Amino acid sequence: MRKLLDGLYGAAAAVAAVFMIGLLIMVLLSILGRQLGFHVPGTDAYAGYLMAGCGFLALAHTLKRGEHIRVTLLLHHLSGRAKHGMELWALGASTLLSLLFAVYSVKLAWQSHVFNDISTSTDATPLWLPQLSMAIGAVVLTIACLDEWILQGRGLRRTESGGEALRNE
């Protein structure tokens, strides 16, 4: 099961990386178009879609690597059962919030598909397509939060090193 979950997080991160490359291509195409006098319609819209998809699809991988910004001021003053309980509470709350976000993201993408919503810009893209990356990213984040909550409950979760404050500004 661990291998499957880590593969899911890695696959979402890989798709996010591909979206990042696509974002770079859209921005470069827009810049080149301005410099050389041509216009490719929809580059701004697609850059925005790719940026959103990149951000959402990378959330779970970032969480599992311990790179999400955390406020640890209170946790540094706790130890033992109190610290364990606070971690469980925080991970439980994040799991519930990410679940709500995932449910509503999936619902939004589904409704956009059912109602045939399209973007109002010149590209006229069906909105469920870019919304799908947000929904998938939110679902994978929910799975990652639940995974972390279970690991914390079983005492198997990796604890942060003292250098956490140095990594996160």
C-alpha atoms as a PDB file:
ATOM      1  CA  MET A   1       0.000   0.000   0.000  1.00  0.00           C
ATOM      2  CA  ARG A   2       2.849   2.408   0.821  1.00  0.00           C
ATOM      3  CA  LYS A   3       4.343   1.900  -2.634  1.00  0.00           C
ATOM      4  CA  LEU A   4       0.974   2.594  -4.278  1.00  0.00           C
ATOM      5  CA  LEU A   5       0.419   5.791  -2.286  1.00  0.00           C
ATOM      6  CA  ASP A   6       3.936   7.066  -2.891  1.00  0.00           C
ATOM      7  CA  GLY A   7       3.450   6.288  -6.587  1.00  0.00           C
ATOM      8  CA  LEU A   8       0.225   8.309  -6.595  1.00  0.00           C
ATOM      9  CA  TYR A   9       1.930  11.312  -4.982  1.00  0.00           C
ATOM     10  CA  GLY A  10       4.886  11.004  -7.354  1.00  0.00           C
ATOM     11  CA  ALA A  11       2.627  10.707 -10.416  1.00  0.00           C
ATOM     12  CA  ALA A  12       0.689  13.828  -9.413  1.00  0.00           C
ATOM     13  CA  ALA A  13       3.992  15.673  -8.939  1.00  0.00           C
ATOM     14  CA  ALA A  14       5.214  14.461 -12.344  1.00  0.00           C
ATOM     15  CA  VAL A  15       2.056  15.758 -14.027  1.00  0.00           C
ATOM     16  CA  ALA A  16       2.539  19.038 -12.134  1.00  0.00           C
ATOM     17  CA  ALA A  17       6.070  19.220 -13.557  1.00  0.00           C
ATOM     18  CA  VAL A  18       4.728  18.662 -17.082  1.00  0.00           C
ATOM     19  CA  PHE A  19       2.191  21.433 -16.458  1.00  0.00           C
ATOM     20  CA  MET A  20       5.051  23.669 -15.309  1.00  0.00           C
ATOM     21  CA  ILE A  21       6.854  23.032 -18.595  1.00  0.00           C
ATOM     22  CA  GLY A  22       3.632  23.785 -20.457  1.00  0.00           C
ATOM     23  CA  LEU A  23       3.324  27.018 -18.489  1.00  0.00           C
ATOM     24  CA  LEU A  24       6.861  27.970 -19.499  1.00  0.00           C
ATOM     25  CA  ILE A  25       6.044  27.264 -23.138  1.00  0.00           C
ATOM     26  CA  MET A  26       2.882  29.402 -22.988  1.00  0.00           C
ATOM     27  CA  VAL A  27       4.752  32.327 -21.414  1.00  0.00           C
ATOM     28  CA  LEU A  28       7.625  32.069 -23.891  1.00  0.00           C
ATOM     29  CA  LEU A  29       5.178  31.842 -26.781  1.00  0.00           C
ATOM     30  CA  SER A  30       3.433  34.972 -25.546  1.00  0.00           C
ATOM     31  CA  ILE A  31       6.723  36.844 -25.166  1.00  0.00           C
ATOM     32  CA  LEU A  32       7.993  35.744 -28.573  1.00  0.00           C
ATOM     33  CA  GLY A  33       4.674  36.702 -30.114  1.00  0.00           C
ATOM     34  CA  ARG A  34       4.961  40.230 -28.768  1.00  0.00           C
ATOM     35  CA  GLN A  35       8.569  40.570 -29.894  1.00  0.00           C
ATOM     36  CA  LEU A  36       8.051  39.111 -33.372  1.00  0.00           C
ATOM     37  CA  GLY A  37       4.615  40.539 -34.087  1.00  0.00           C
ATOM     38  CA  PHE A  38       2.326  37.517 -33.977  1.00  0.00           C
ATOM     39  CA  HIS A  39      -0.408  36.506 -31.553  1.00  0.00           C
ATOM     40  CA  VAL A  40      -1.438  33.042 -30.458  1.00  0.00           C
ATOM     41  CA  PRO A  41      -4.938  33.313 -28.971  1.00  0.00           C
ATOM     42  CA  GLY A  42      -5.509  31.744 -25.586  1.00  0.00           C
ATOM     43  CA  THR A  43      -1.910  31.698 -24.348  1.00  0.00           C
ATOM     44  CA  ASP A  44      -2.779  33.796 -21.288  1.00  0.00           C
ATOM     45  CA  ALA A  45      -5.757  31.606 -20.421  1.00  0.00           C
ATOM     46  CA  TYR A  46      -3.823  28.384 -20.890  1.00  0.00           C
ATOM     47  CA  ALA A  47      -0.929  29.726 -18.832  1.00  0.00           C
ATOM     48  CA  GLY A  48      -3.407  30.373 -16.024  1.00  0.00           C
ATOM     49  CA  TYR A  49      -4.944  26.903 -16.343  1.00  0.00           C
ATOM     50  CA  LEU A  50      -1.532  25.270 -16.290  1.00  0.00           C
ATOM     51  CA  MET A  51      -0.402  27.344 -13.317  1.00  0.00           C
ATOM     52  CA  ALA A  52      -3.467  26.344 -11.296  1.00  0.00           C
ATOM     53  CA  GLY A  53      -3.101  22.699 -12.275  1.00  0.00           C
ATOM     54  CA  CYS A  54       0.568  22.720 -11.383  1.00  0.00           C
ATOM     55  CA  GLY A  55      -0.114  24.160  -7.956  1.00  0.00           C
ATOM     56  CA  PHE A  56      -2.923  21.784  -7.049  1.00  0.00           C
ATOM     57  CA  LEU A  57      -1.303  18.635  -8.385  1.00  0.00           C
ATOM     58  CA  ALA A  58       1.889  19.314  -6.409  1.00  0.00           C
ATOM     59  CA  LEU A  59       0.135  19.783  -3.036  1.00  0.00           C
ATOM     60  CA  ALA A  60       0.186  16.135  -1.899  1.00  0.00           C
ATOM     61  CA  HIS A  61       3.819  15.585  -2.854  1.00  0.00           C
ATOM     62  CA  THR A  62       4.790  18.764  -1.041  1.00  0.00           C
ATOM     63  CA  LEU A  63       2.910  17.648   2.084  1.00  0.00           C
ATOM     64  CA  LYS A  64       4.537  14.224   2.094  1.00  0.00           C
ATOM     65  CA  ARG A  65       8.003  15.780   1.805  1.00  0.00           C
ATOM     66  CA  GLY A  66       7.308  18.007   4.811  1.00  0.00           C
ATOM     67  CA  GLU A  67       7.621  21.193   2.762  1.00  0.00           C
ATOM     68  CA  HIS A  68       4.261  22.790   3.585  1.00  0.00           C
ATOM     69  CA  ILE A  69       4.654  25.840   5.775  1.00  0.00           C
ATOM     70  CA  ARG A  70       3.650  24.955   9.326  1.00  0.00           C
ATOM     71  CA  VAL A  71       3.266  27.094  12.386  1.00  0.00           C
ATOM     72  CA  THR A  72       5.209  25.119  14.973  1.00  0.00           C
ATOM     73  CA  LEU A  73       5.401  27.740  17.710  1.00  0.00           C
ATOM     74  CA  LEU A  74       3.033  25.784  19.954  1.00  0.00           C
ATOM     75  CA  LEU A  75       4.394  22.351  19.025  1.00  0.00           C
ATOM     76  CA  HIS A  76       7.914  23.265  20.128  1.00  0.00           C
ATOM     77  CA  HIS A  77       6.600  23.802  23.642  1.00  0.00           C
ATOM     78  CA  LEU A  78       4.761  20.481  23.773  1.00  0.00           C
ATOM     79  CA  SER A  79       6.108  16.986  24.189  1.00  0.00           C
ATOM     80  CA  GLY A  80       4.884  13.448  24.589  1.00  0.00           C
ATOM     81  CA  ARG A  81       1.150  12.820  24.481  1.00  0.00           C
ATOM     82  CA  ALA A  82       0.261  16.505  24.250  1.00  0.00           C
ATOM     83  CA  LYS A  83       2.378  16.962  21.133  1.00  0.00           C
ATOM     84  CA  HIS A  84       1.069  13.729  19.643  1.00  0.00           C
ATOM     85  CA  GLY A  85      -2.518  14.811  20.328  1.00  0.00           C
ATOM     86  CA  MET A  86      -1.988  18.256  18.831  1.00  0.00           C
ATOM     87  CA  GLU A  87      -0.460  16.714  15.701  1.00  0.00           C
ATOM     88  CA  LEU A  88      -3.428  14.341  15.421  1.00  0.00           C
ATOM     89  CA  TRP A  89      -5.858  17.227  15.825  1.00  0.00           C
ATOM     90  CA  ALA A  90      -4.084  19.362  13.221  1.00  0.00           C
ATOM     91  CA  LEU A  91      -3.847  16.504  10.720  1.00  0.00           C
ATOM     92  CA  GLY A  92      -7.488  15.573  11.343  1.00  0.00           C
ATOM     93  CA  ALA A  93      -8.594  19.159  10.730  1.00  0.00           C
ATOM     94  CA  SER A  94      -6.497  19.387   7.556  1.00  0.00           C
ATOM     95  CA  THR A  95      -7.943  16.072   6.360  1.00  0.00           C
ATOM     96  CA  LEU A  96     -11.501  17.300   6.887  1.00  0.00           C
ATOM     97  CA  LEU A  97     -10.822  20.655   5.227  1.00  0.00           C
ATOM     98  CA  SER A  98      -9.096  19.057   2.252  1.00  0.00           C
ATOM     99  CA  LEU A  99     -11.982  16.581   1.963  1.00  0.00           C
ATOM    100  CA  LEU A 100     -14.477  19.450   1.800  1.00  0.00           C
ATOM    101  CA  PHE A 101     -12.323  21.171  -0.795  1.00  0.00           C
ATOM    102  CA  ALA A 102     -12.064  17.953  -2.818  1.00  0.00           C
ATOM    103  CA  VAL A 103     -15.816  17.335  -2.732  1.00  0.00           C
ATOM    104  CA  TYR A 104     -16.638  20.838  -3.898  1.00  0.00           C
ATOM    105  CA  SER A 105     -13.870  20.846  -6.529  1.00  0.00           C
ATOM    106  CA  VAL A 106     -15.145  17.597  -8.011  1.00  0.00           C
ATOM    107  CA  LYS A 107     -18.706  18.941  -7.857  1.00  0.00           C
ATOM    108  CA  LEU A 108     -17.641  22.154  -9.632  1.00  0.00           C
ATOM    109  CA  ALA A 109     -15.875  20.254 -12.431  1.00  0.00           C
ATOM    110  CA  TRP A 110     -18.848  17.916 -12.813  1.00  0.00           C
ATOM    111  CA  GLN A 111     -21.346  20.789 -12.983  1.00  0.00           C
ATOM    112  CA  SER A 112     -19.193  22.611 -15.526  1.00  0.00           C
ATOM    113  CA  HIS A 113     -19.221  19.462 -17.638  1.00  0.00           C
ATOM    114  CA  VAL A 114     -22.982  18.941 -17.301  1.00  0.00           C
ATOM    115  CA  PHE A 115     -23.832  22.587 -18.072  1.00  0.00           C
ATOM    116  CA  ASN A 116     -21.226  22.823 -20.859  1.00  0.00           C
ATOM    117  CA  ASP A 117     -19.563  25.869 -19.279  1.00  0.00           C
ATOM    118  CA  ILE A 118     -16.865  27.385 -21.451  1.00  0.00           C
ATOM    119  CA  SER A 119     -14.371  30.130 -20.718  1.00  0.00           C
ATOM    120  CA  THR A 120     -15.352  33.628 -21.714  1.00  0.00           C
ATOM    121  CA  SER A 121     -12.022  34.354 -23.382  1.00  0.00           C
ATOM    122  CA  THR A 122     -11.241  33.728 -27.040  1.00  0.00           C
ATOM    123  CA  ASP A 123     -10.094  30.143 -26.416  1.00  0.00           C
ATOM    124  CA  ALA A 124     -13.640  28.995 -25.384  1.00  0.00           C
ATOM    125  CA  THR A 125     -12.205  26.059 -23.457  1.00  0.00           C
ATOM    126  CA  PRO A 126     -14.683  23.796 -21.671  1.00  0.00           C
ATOM    127  CA  LEU A 127     -14.081  24.798 -18.050  1.00  0.00           C
ATOM    128  CA  TRP A 128     -14.297  21.285 -16.682  1.00  0.00           C
ATOM    129  CA  LEU A 129     -10.936  20.501 -18.296  1.00  0.00           C
ATOM    130  CA  PRO A 130      -8.813  22.933 -16.240  1.00  0.00           C
ATOM    131  CA  GLN A 131     -11.064  22.383 -13.215  1.00  0.00           C
ATOM    132  CA  LEU A 132     -10.315  18.669 -13.414  1.00  0.00           C
ATOM    133  CA  SER A 133      -6.669  19.226 -12.460  1.00  0.00           C
ATOM    134  CA  MET A 134      -7.808  21.186  -9.399  1.00  0.00           C
ATOM    135  CA  ALA A 135     -10.257  18.428  -8.439  1.00  0.00           C
ATOM    136  CA  ILE A 136      -7.690  15.656  -8.900  1.00  0.00           C
ATOM    137  CA  GLY A 137      -5.089  17.615  -6.935  1.00  0.00           C
ATOM    138  CA  ALA A 138      -7.565  18.186  -4.092  1.00  0.00           C
ATOM    139  CA  VAL A 139      -8.508  14.487  -3.990  1.00  0.00           C
ATOM    140  CA  VAL A 140      -4.855  13.405  -3.923  1.00  0.00           C
ATOM    141  CA  LEU A 141      -4.168  15.990  -1.184  1.00  0.00           C
ATOM    142  CA  THR A 142      -7.031  14.544   0.865  1.00  0.00           C
ATOM    143  CA  ILE A 143      -5.557  11.061   0.491  1.00  0.00           C
ATOM    144  CA  ALA A 144      -2.137  12.392   1.568  1.00  0.00           C
ATOM    145  CA  CYS A 145      -3.616  14.162   4.614  1.00  0.00           C
ATOM    146  CA  LEU A 146      -5.472  11.004   5.631  1.00  0.00           C
ATOM    147  CA  ASP A 147      -2.258   9.035   5.109  1.00  0.00           C
ATOM    148  CA  GLU A 148      -0.344  11.418   7.384  1.00  0.00           C
ATOM    149  CA  TRP A 149      -3.127  11.294  10.011  1.00  0.00           C
ATOM    150  CA  ILE A 150      -3.051   7.481  10.050  1.00  0.00           C
ATOM    151  CA  LEU A 151       0.749   7.428  10.234  1.00  0.00           C
ATOM    152  CA  GLN A 152       0.653   9.904  13.129  1.00  0.00           C
ATOM    153  CA  GLY A 153      -1.975   7.834  14.937  1.00  0.00           C
ATOM    154  CA  ARG A 154       0.139   4.691  14.583  1.00  0.00           C
ATOM    155  CA  GLY A 155       3.310   6.515  15.624  1.00  0.00           C
ATOM    156  CA  LEU A 156       4.975   5.953  12.261  1.00  0.00           C
ATOM    157  CA  ARG A 157       5.034   9.528  10.988  1.00  0.00           C
ATOM    158  CA  ARG A 158       8.429  11.113  10.447  1.00  0.00           C
ATOM    159  CA  THR A 159       9.023  14.030  12.757  1.00  0.00           C
ATOM    160  CA  GLU A 160      10.510  17.259  11.530  1.00  0.00           C
ATOM    161  CA  SER A 161      14.127  18.000  12.181  1.00  0.00           C
ATOM    162  CA  GLY A 162      15.326  21.061  14.054  1.00  0.00           C
ATOM    163  CA  GLY A 163      16.221  22.650  10.714  1.00  0.00           C
ATOM    164  CA  GLU A 164      12.579  22.974   9.652  1.00  0.00           C
ATOM    165  CA  ALA A 165      12.546  26.687  10.439  1.00  0.00           C
ATOM    166  CA  LEU A 166      15.579  27.126   8.188  1.00  0.00           C
ATOM    167  CA  ARG A 167      13.859  25.451   5.215  1.00  0.00           C
ATOM    168  CA  ASN A 168      10.603  27.369   5.527  1.00  0.00           C
ATOM    169  CA  GLU A 169      10.836  31.114   5.580  1.00  0.00           C
END
